[in-house]
């Protein structure tokens, strides 16, 4: 309860104007987390003998975290909105 009583003292960094970049960054971080979960499940399925997508598809899928991380760094450095 004490933490909730301090909530009104938090500056408008989470809900104020100019914090859209933070929400976008958190969305991209969540997508990286989901990507890692999906890849972990694919790895477990491959260990169980299930087939993986083609090598070309895996190469493209491998680029997803790179694009997401570039977006995260851009949002943190530029804070465009």
N, C-alpha and C. Protein backbone atom coordinates (compact mmCIF):
# COMPACT_ATOMS: atom_id res chain seq x y z
N UNK A 1 0.82 -1.20 0.00
CA UNK A 1 0.00 0.00 0.00
C UNK A 1 0.86 1.25 0.00
N UNK A 2 2.01 1.19 0.64
CA UNK A 2 2.85 2.37 0.69
C UNK A 2 3.33 2.77 -0.70
N UNK A 3 3.63 1.77 -1.54
CA UNK A 3 4.07 2.06 -2.90
C UNK A 3 2.99 2.75 -3.71
N UNK A 4 1.74 2.33 -3.53
CA UNK A 4 0.64 2.96 -4.25
C UNK A 4 0.42 4.39 -3.81
N UNK A 5 0.72 4.68 -2.55
CA UNK A 5 0.55 6.06 -2.09
C UNK A 5 1.60 6.99 -2.70
N UNK A 6 2.71 6.43 -3.15
CA UNK A 6 3.75 7.25 -3.79
C UNK A 6 3.53 7.42 -5.28
N UNK A 7 2.54 6.73 -5.83
CA UNK A 7 2.32 6.75 -7.26
C UNK A 7 1.99 8.15 -7.78
N UNK A 8 1.32 8.94 -7.00
CA UNK A 8 0.97 10.29 -7.46
C UNK A 8 2.20 11.18 -7.59
N UNK A 9 3.31 10.80 -7.00
CA UNK A 9 4.53 11.60 -7.08
C UNK A 9 5.39 11.27 -8.30
N UNK A 10 5.02 10.20 -9.00
CA UNK A 10 5.79 9.81 -10.18
C UNK A 10 5.58 10.85 -11.27
N UNK A 11 6.67 11.31 -11.88
CA UNK A 11 6.49 12.30 -12.96
C UNK A 11 5.75 11.67 -14.14
N UNK A 12 5.35 12.48 -15.05
CA UNK A 12 4.54 12.02 -16.18
C UNK A 12 5.36 11.29 -17.24
N UNK A 13 6.34 10.51 -16.84
CA UNK A 13 7.15 9.81 -17.82
C UNK A 13 6.44 8.62 -18.41
N UNK A 14 5.46 8.07 -17.71
CA UNK A 14 4.77 6.90 -18.22
C UNK A 14 3.47 7.23 -18.93
N UNK A 15 2.85 8.32 -18.59
CA UNK A 15 1.56 8.64 -19.18
C UNK A 15 1.48 10.04 -19.76
N UNK A 16 2.50 10.84 -19.60
CA UNK A 16 2.45 12.21 -20.08
C UNK A 16 2.74 12.32 -21.56
N UNK A 17 2.68 13.54 -22.05
CA UNK A 17 2.99 13.76 -23.45
C UNK A 17 4.48 13.53 -23.69
N UNK A 18 4.81 13.03 -24.83
CA UNK A 18 6.20 12.75 -25.16
C UNK A 18 6.70 11.41 -24.67
N UNK A 19 5.79 10.56 -24.21
CA UNK A 19 6.22 9.25 -23.73
C UNK A 19 5.82 8.13 -24.68
N UNK A 20 5.39 8.48 -25.87
CA UNK A 20 4.99 7.46 -26.84
C UNK A 20 6.13 6.55 -27.23
N UNK A 21 7.35 7.11 -27.26
CA UNK A 21 8.50 6.29 -27.61
C UNK A 21 8.70 5.17 -26.60
N UNK A 22 8.41 5.45 -25.33
CA UNK A 22 8.57 4.44 -24.28
C UNK A 22 7.58 3.30 -24.47
N UNK A 23 6.36 3.63 -24.80
CA UNK A 23 5.36 2.59 -25.04
C UNK A 23 5.73 1.75 -26.26
N UNK A 24 6.21 2.41 -27.30
CA UNK A 24 6.63 1.68 -28.49
C UNK A 24 7.82 0.78 -28.19
N UNK A 25 8.76 1.28 -27.39
CA UNK A 25 9.92 0.47 -27.01
C UNK A 25 9.50 -0.74 -26.19
N UNK A 26 8.61 -0.54 -25.25
CA UNK A 26 8.14 -1.66 -24.43
C UNK A 26 7.40 -2.69 -25.28
N UNK A 27 6.68 -2.24 -26.31
CA UNK A 27 6.03 -3.17 -27.22
C UNK A 27 7.08 -3.99 -27.97
N UNK A 28 8.13 -3.35 -28.45
CA UNK A 28 9.19 -4.08 -29.16
C UNK A 28 9.91 -5.05 -28.23
N UNK A 29 10.13 -4.65 -27.00
CA UNK A 29 10.77 -5.56 -26.03
C UNK A 29 9.87 -6.76 -25.78
N UNK A 30 8.57 -6.54 -25.69
CA UNK A 30 7.64 -7.65 -25.52
C UNK A 30 7.67 -8.58 -26.73
N UNK A 31 7.81 -8.02 -27.92
CA UNK A 31 7.90 -8.85 -29.13
C UNK A 31 9.19 -9.68 -29.14
N UNK A 32 10.29 -9.12 -28.66
CA UNK A 32 11.53 -9.89 -28.54
C UNK A 32 11.34 -11.03 -27.56
N UNK A 33 10.64 -10.77 -26.48
CA UNK A 33 10.36 -11.82 -25.49
C UNK A 33 9.51 -12.93 -26.10
N UNK A 34 8.47 -12.56 -26.83
CA UNK A 34 7.62 -13.55 -27.49
C UNK A 34 8.43 -14.34 -28.51
N UNK A 35 9.29 -13.67 -29.26
CA UNK A 35 10.15 -14.34 -30.24
C UNK A 35 11.02 -15.39 -29.55
N UNK A 36 11.59 -15.05 -28.42
CA UNK A 36 12.46 -16.01 -27.73
C UNK A 36 11.66 -17.21 -27.22
N UNK A 37 10.43 -16.99 -26.80
CA UNK A 37 9.59 -18.10 -26.36
C UNK A 37 9.25 -19.02 -27.53
N UNK A 38 8.89 -18.42 -28.66
CA UNK A 38 8.54 -19.23 -29.84
C UNK A 38 9.76 -20.02 -30.32
N UNK A 39 10.93 -19.39 -30.34
CA UNK A 39 12.12 -20.11 -30.79
C UNK A 39 12.48 -21.23 -29.82
N UNK A 40 12.27 -21.03 -28.54
CA UNK A 40 12.51 -22.09 -27.56
C UNK A 40 11.59 -23.27 -27.78
N UNK A 41 10.34 -22.99 -28.11
CA UNK A 41 9.39 -24.08 -28.40
C UNK A 41 9.77 -24.81 -29.67
N UNK A 42 10.23 -24.07 -30.68
CA UNK A 42 10.69 -24.72 -31.91
C UNK A 42 11.89 -25.61 -31.63
N UNK A 43 12.79 -25.17 -30.77
CA UNK A 43 13.96 -25.96 -30.43
C UNK A 43 13.55 -27.25 -29.72
N UNK A 44 12.64 -27.16 -28.79
CA UNK A 44 12.16 -28.36 -28.10
C UNK A 44 11.45 -29.30 -29.06
N UNK A 45 10.69 -28.74 -29.99
CA UNK A 45 10.00 -29.57 -30.98
C UNK A 45 11.01 -30.26 -31.90
N UNK A 46 12.08 -29.54 -32.26
CA UNK A 46 13.10 -30.14 -33.12
C UNK A 46 13.83 -31.26 -32.39
N UNK A 47 14.05 -31.08 -31.09
CA UNK A 47 14.69 -32.14 -30.31
C UNK A 47 13.79 -33.37 -30.21
N UNK A 48 12.47 -33.14 -30.26
CA UNK A 48 11.51 -34.24 -30.19
C UNK A 48 11.31 -34.91 -31.54
N UNK A 49 11.95 -34.39 -32.59
CA UNK A 49 11.89 -35.03 -33.89
C UNK A 49 10.96 -34.37 -34.89
N UNK A 50 10.31 -33.27 -34.52
CA UNK A 50 9.42 -32.58 -35.45
C UNK A 50 10.26 -31.76 -36.43
N UNK A 51 9.79 -31.64 -37.67
CA UNK A 51 10.59 -30.91 -38.67
C UNK A 51 10.54 -29.40 -38.44
N UNK A 52 11.62 -28.75 -38.82
CA UNK A 52 11.71 -27.29 -38.77
C UNK A 52 11.36 -26.72 -40.15
N UNK A 53 11.10 -25.43 -40.22
CA UNK A 53 10.90 -24.81 -41.54
C UNK A 53 12.18 -24.92 -42.38
N UNK A 54 12.07 -24.53 -43.63
CA UNK A 54 13.22 -24.62 -44.53
C UNK A 54 14.35 -23.71 -44.04
N UNK A 55 15.54 -23.97 -44.57
CA UNK A 55 16.70 -23.16 -44.16
C UNK A 55 16.54 -21.71 -44.56
N UNK A 56 15.91 -21.46 -45.71
CA UNK A 56 15.67 -20.08 -46.14
C UNK A 56 14.72 -19.38 -45.17
N UNK A 57 13.67 -20.07 -44.77
CA UNK A 57 12.73 -19.48 -43.81
C UNK A 57 13.41 -19.21 -42.47
N UNK A 58 14.26 -20.13 -42.04
CA UNK A 58 14.97 -19.93 -40.78
C UNK A 58 15.93 -18.76 -40.85
N UNK A 59 16.54 -18.54 -42.01
CA UNK A 59 17.42 -17.37 -42.16
C UNK A 59 16.63 -16.07 -42.03
N UNK A 60 15.45 -16.04 -42.64
CA UNK A 60 14.62 -14.84 -42.53
C UNK A 60 14.12 -14.65 -41.12
N UNK A 61 13.72 -15.72 -40.47
CA UNK A 61 13.23 -15.64 -39.09
C UNK A 61 14.35 -15.17 -38.15
N UNK A 62 15.58 -15.52 -38.48
CA UNK A 62 16.72 -15.13 -37.68
C UNK A 62 16.95 -13.61 -37.70
N UNK A 63 16.42 -12.93 -38.70
CA UNK A 63 16.60 -11.48 -38.81
C UNK A 63 15.60 -10.70 -37.97
N UNK A 64 14.55 -11.34 -37.49
CA UNK A 64 13.50 -10.65 -36.74
C UNK A 64 14.06 -9.95 -35.50
N UNK A 65 14.85 -10.64 -34.64
CA UNK A 65 15.34 -9.92 -33.46
C UNK A 65 16.27 -8.76 -33.80
N UNK A 66 17.01 -8.87 -34.89
CA UNK A 66 17.88 -7.77 -35.29
C UNK A 66 17.06 -6.52 -35.61
N UNK A 67 16.00 -6.69 -36.38
CA UNK A 67 15.15 -5.56 -36.74
C UNK A 67 14.49 -4.97 -35.49
N UNK A 68 14.02 -5.85 -34.60
CA UNK A 68 13.40 -5.36 -33.37
C UNK A 68 14.40 -4.60 -32.50
N UNK A 69 15.61 -5.12 -32.37
CA UNK A 69 16.61 -4.46 -31.53
C UNK A 69 17.08 -3.14 -32.13
N UNK A 70 17.17 -3.07 -33.44
CA UNK A 70 17.50 -1.79 -34.08
C UNK A 70 16.41 -0.77 -33.79
N UNK A 71 15.15 -1.21 -33.85
CA UNK A 71 14.04 -0.32 -33.52
C UNK A 71 14.09 0.13 -32.08
N UNK A 72 14.43 -0.77 -31.17
CA UNK A 72 14.53 -0.40 -29.75
C UNK A 72 15.61 0.64 -29.53
N UNK A 73 16.78 0.42 -30.12
CA UNK A 73 17.88 1.38 -29.95
C UNK A 73 17.51 2.73 -30.55
N UNK A 74 16.88 2.72 -31.72
CA UNK A 74 16.47 3.97 -32.34
C UNK A 74 15.50 4.73 -31.44
N UNK A 75 14.53 4.02 -30.88
CA UNK A 75 13.54 4.69 -30.02
C UNK A 75 14.18 5.27 -28.77
N UNK A 76 15.15 4.57 -28.20
CA UNK A 76 15.80 5.06 -26.99
C UNK A 76 16.68 6.27 -27.28
N UNK A 77 17.40 6.23 -28.39
CA UNK A 77 18.33 7.33 -28.69
C UNK A 77 17.60 8.56 -29.23
N UNK A 78 16.70 8.35 -30.20
CA UNK A 78 16.06 9.49 -30.87
C UNK A 78 14.84 10.01 -30.13
N UNK A 79 14.13 9.15 -29.41
CA UNK A 79 12.87 9.52 -28.75
C UNK A 79 11.99 10.35 -29.70
N UNK A 80 11.58 9.75 -30.81
CA UNK A 80 10.93 10.52 -31.87
C UNK A 80 9.53 11.06 -31.52
N UNK A 81 8.86 10.45 -30.57
CA UNK A 81 7.52 10.93 -30.22
C UNK A 81 7.24 10.65 -28.76
